Amino acid sequence: ASESSERWANISTHVDEQIIDLSGDVDRLASIDEHFEQSTKVLTHLRGQHEDILAEFLSVKKIVEKTNLYLREYKRKWLQINDENRHLHTEIKRLRNKLDDFHRAENLMHTKIDEQDILLSQLRKEL
């Protein structure tokens, strides 16, 4: 009986040690479970932020694409207007030269008229 009591005491001690170990494991599992829940909450929050940022990025991407279209159109129109201005500048230069030629001819004509008036006056005096 004493052998059986000793055996029972050993078994009881061994079971107590296992219960203590299991209790420690349960505490560690509870802590791990709490960390897992916190990680899940953080992950859910981060996923929401990621979706928000992705939506904002896509919105900004559309704005950038539209801006690029506007810039290309602006550049095309600017080049067209610049080309038209160059042609107009050439035409203005041509017309200014023509006007200068006209003024020279007009001045020459006035000089000739003045000369003829002087000659006419001299002829009248002589007559």
Foldseek 3Di string as FASTA:
>chain_A
DVVVVVVVVVVVVVVVVVVVVVVVVVVVVVVVVVVVVVVVVVVVVVVVVVVVVVVVVVVVVVVVVVVVVVVVVVVVVVVVVVVVVVVVVVVVVVVVVVVVVVVVVVVVVVVVVVVVVVVVVVVVVVD
